[in-house]
Amino acid sequence: MKPKFWKKKTQEEIKTVVFNALKSNVNYQKENKLGIPASFLEEKVFYQDAAFLEAAP
C-alpha cells in the first residue's frame, strides 16, 4: 500500500478551514439546546469576546 501524505496548506488556507469549522459549531450561549456539553467553558474564567481570539491562527 502506498503511503499517503497531507497536502501542505498556507497559513491563510489553514485559517479559513479552522474559522469555517468554528462557525459551524453550536453556540450553547445563543441557541436553545438540551443541556450544556462537558467542554463548556465558564464565562468568568474564559470570556468569549477576547481580543486574541480575533487574530488567532
N, C-alpha and C. Protein backbone atom coordinates (compact mmCIF):
# COMPACT_ATOMS: atom_id res chain seq x y z
N MET A 1 0.84 -1.17 0.00
CA MET A 1 0.00 0.00 0.00
C MET A 1 0.89 1.24 0.00
N LYS A 2 0.56 2.18 -0.85
CA LYS A 2 1.34 3.41 -0.99
C LYS A 2 1.02 4.37 0.17
N PRO A 3 2.06 4.97 0.80
CA PRO A 3 1.80 5.91 1.89
C PRO A 3 1.09 7.16 1.40
N LYS A 4 0.24 7.71 2.25
CA LYS A 4 -0.48 8.93 1.91
C LYS A 4 0.15 10.11 2.65
N PHE A 5 0.16 11.25 2.01
CA PHE A 5 0.73 12.44 2.60
C PHE A 5 -0.29 13.56 2.58
N TRP A 6 -0.25 14.40 3.60
CA TRP A 6 -1.12 15.56 3.66
C TRP A 6 -0.60 16.62 2.70
N LYS A 7 -1.53 17.28 2.02
CA LYS A 7 -1.15 18.39 1.15
C LYS A 7 -0.81 19.58 2.04
N LYS A 8 0.34 20.21 1.80
CA LYS A 8 0.74 21.36 2.60
C LYS A 8 -0.18 22.54 2.30
N LYS A 9 -0.65 23.20 3.36
CA LYS A 9 -1.54 24.35 3.21
C LYS A 9 -0.84 25.61 3.71
N THR A 10 -1.22 26.74 3.14
CA THR A 10 -0.69 28.02 3.59
C THR A 10 -1.38 28.40 4.90
N GLN A 11 -0.82 29.38 5.60
CA GLN A 11 -1.44 29.87 6.83
C GLN A 11 -2.84 30.37 6.57
N GLU A 12 -3.04 31.04 5.44
CA GLU A 12 -4.36 31.58 5.10
C GLU A 12 -5.37 30.46 4.86
N GLU A 13 -4.94 29.39 4.18
CA GLU A 13 -5.82 28.24 3.95
C GLU A 13 -6.20 27.57 5.27
N ILE A 14 -5.23 27.42 6.15
CA ILE A 14 -5.49 26.81 7.46
C ILE A 14 -6.47 27.67 8.25
N LYS A 15 -6.23 28.97 8.25
CA LYS A 15 -7.10 29.90 8.98
C LYS A 15 -8.53 29.83 8.45
N THR A 16 -8.68 29.76 7.13
CA THR A 16 -10.00 29.67 6.52
C THR A 16 -10.71 28.39 6.94
N VAL A 17 -10.02 27.27 6.89
CA VAL A 17 -10.61 25.98 7.27
C VAL A 17 -11.03 25.99 8.74
N VAL A 18 -10.15 26.49 9.60
CA VAL A 18 -10.44 26.49 11.04
C VAL A 18 -11.63 27.39 11.36
N PHE A 19 -11.64 28.62 10.82
CA PHE A 19 -12.73 29.54 11.14
C PHE A 19 -14.06 29.08 10.53
N ASN A 20 -14.03 28.43 9.38
CA ASN A 20 -15.27 27.87 8.82
C ASN A 20 -15.80 26.76 9.72
N ALA A 21 -14.91 25.94 10.25
CA ALA A 21 -15.32 24.88 11.16
C ALA A 21 -15.90 25.46 12.45
N LEU A 22 -15.26 26.51 12.97
CA LEU A 22 -15.75 27.14 14.19
C LEU A 22 -17.12 27.77 13.99
N LYS A 23 -17.37 28.33 12.81
CA LYS A 23 -18.67 28.94 12.52
C LYS A 23 -19.78 27.89 12.52
N SER A 24 -19.45 26.66 12.15
CA SER A 24 -20.47 25.62 12.08
C SER A 24 -20.72 24.94 13.43
N ASN A 25 -19.92 25.28 14.44
CA ASN A 25 -20.14 24.72 15.78
C ASN A 25 -21.40 25.30 16.41
N VAL A 26 -21.98 24.57 17.32
CA VAL A 26 -23.17 25.02 18.04
C VAL A 26 -22.75 25.99 19.13
N ASN A 27 -23.46 27.11 19.24
CA ASN A 27 -23.19 28.08 20.30
C ASN A 27 -24.22 27.86 21.40
N TYR A 28 -23.80 27.27 22.51
CA TYR A 28 -24.73 26.93 23.59
C TYR A 28 -25.20 28.15 24.37
N GLN A 29 -24.54 29.30 24.17
CA GLN A 29 -24.98 30.51 24.86
C GLN A 29 -26.10 31.20 24.10
N LYS A 30 -26.11 31.07 22.79
CA LYS A 30 -27.08 31.79 21.97
C LYS A 30 -28.22 30.91 21.44
N GLU A 31 -28.04 29.60 21.47
CA GLU A 31 -29.05 28.70 20.93
C GLU A 31 -29.62 27.82 22.05
N ASN A 32 -30.89 27.54 21.95
CA ASN A 32 -31.53 26.67 22.94
C ASN A 32 -31.27 25.21 22.57
N LYS A 33 -30.40 24.59 23.30
CA LYS A 33 -30.08 23.18 23.11
C LYS A 33 -30.29 22.47 24.44
N LEU A 34 -30.44 21.18 24.39
CA LEU A 34 -30.67 20.40 25.59
C LEU A 34 -29.35 20.22 26.34
N GLY A 35 -29.21 20.88 27.47
CA GLY A 35 -28.03 20.73 28.31
C GLY A 35 -26.81 21.48 27.81
N ILE A 36 -25.78 21.45 28.61
CA ILE A 36 -24.50 22.10 28.28
C ILE A 36 -23.46 20.99 28.19
N PRO A 37 -22.63 21.01 27.15
CA PRO A 37 -21.64 19.94 27.00
C PRO A 37 -20.54 20.03 28.06
N ALA A 38 -19.84 18.96 28.25
CA ALA A 38 -18.75 18.92 29.23
C ALA A 38 -17.62 19.88 28.85
N SER A 39 -17.54 20.25 27.58
CA SER A 39 -16.47 21.13 27.14
C SER A 39 -16.83 22.61 27.27
N PHE A 40 -17.98 22.93 27.87
CA PHE A 40 -18.39 24.32 28.05
C PHE A 40 -17.42 25.02 28.99
N LEU A 41 -16.96 26.21 28.59
CA LEU A 41 -16.01 26.96 29.41
C LEU A 41 -16.73 28.05 30.20
N GLU A 42 -16.46 28.15 31.47
CA GLU A 42 -17.09 29.13 32.34
C GLU A 42 -16.72 30.54 31.91
N GLU A 43 -17.72 31.39 31.71
CA GLU A 43 -17.51 32.76 31.24
C GLU A 43 -16.64 33.60 32.18
N LYS A 44 -16.73 33.36 33.46
CA LYS A 44 -15.95 34.15 34.41
C LYS A 44 -14.46 33.91 34.25
N VAL A 45 -14.09 32.76 33.74
CA VAL A 45 -12.68 32.41 33.57
C VAL A 45 -12.26 32.56 32.10
N PHE A 46 -13.09 32.08 31.19
CA PHE A 46 -12.79 32.10 29.76
C PHE A 46 -13.84 32.93 29.04
N TYR A 47 -13.61 34.22 28.88
CA TYR A 47 -14.62 35.05 28.24
C TYR A 47 -14.60 34.88 26.72
N GLN A 48 -15.77 34.99 26.11
CA GLN A 48 -15.98 34.65 24.70
C GLN A 48 -15.48 35.70 23.72
N ASP A 49 -15.38 36.96 24.13
CA ASP A 49 -15.01 38.01 23.19
C ASP A 49 -13.59 38.53 23.41
N ALA A 50 -12.68 37.63 23.77
CA ALA A 50 -11.28 38.02 23.98
C ALA A 50 -10.67 38.51 22.68
N ALA A 51 -9.90 39.58 22.75
CA ALA A 51 -9.29 40.18 21.57
C ALA A 51 -8.35 39.20 20.85
N PHE A 52 -7.64 38.38 21.61
CA PHE A 52 -6.68 37.46 20.98
C PHE A 52 -7.37 36.39 20.13
N LEU A 53 -8.65 36.13 20.38
CA LEU A 53 -9.37 35.14 19.57
C LEU A 53 -9.60 35.62 18.15
N GLU A 54 -9.72 36.93 17.97
CA GLU A 54 -9.94 37.51 16.64
C GLU A 54 -8.75 37.25 15.72
N ALA A 55 -7.54 37.31 16.28
CA ALA A 55 -6.32 37.18 15.47
C ALA A 55 -5.70 35.80 15.58
N ALA A 56 -6.41 34.85 16.16
CA ALA A 56 -5.85 33.51 16.33
C ALA A 56 -5.65 32.84 14.98
N PRO A 57 -4.52 32.14 14.82
CA PRO A 57 -4.28 31.47 13.52
C PRO A 57 -5.17 30.27 13.32
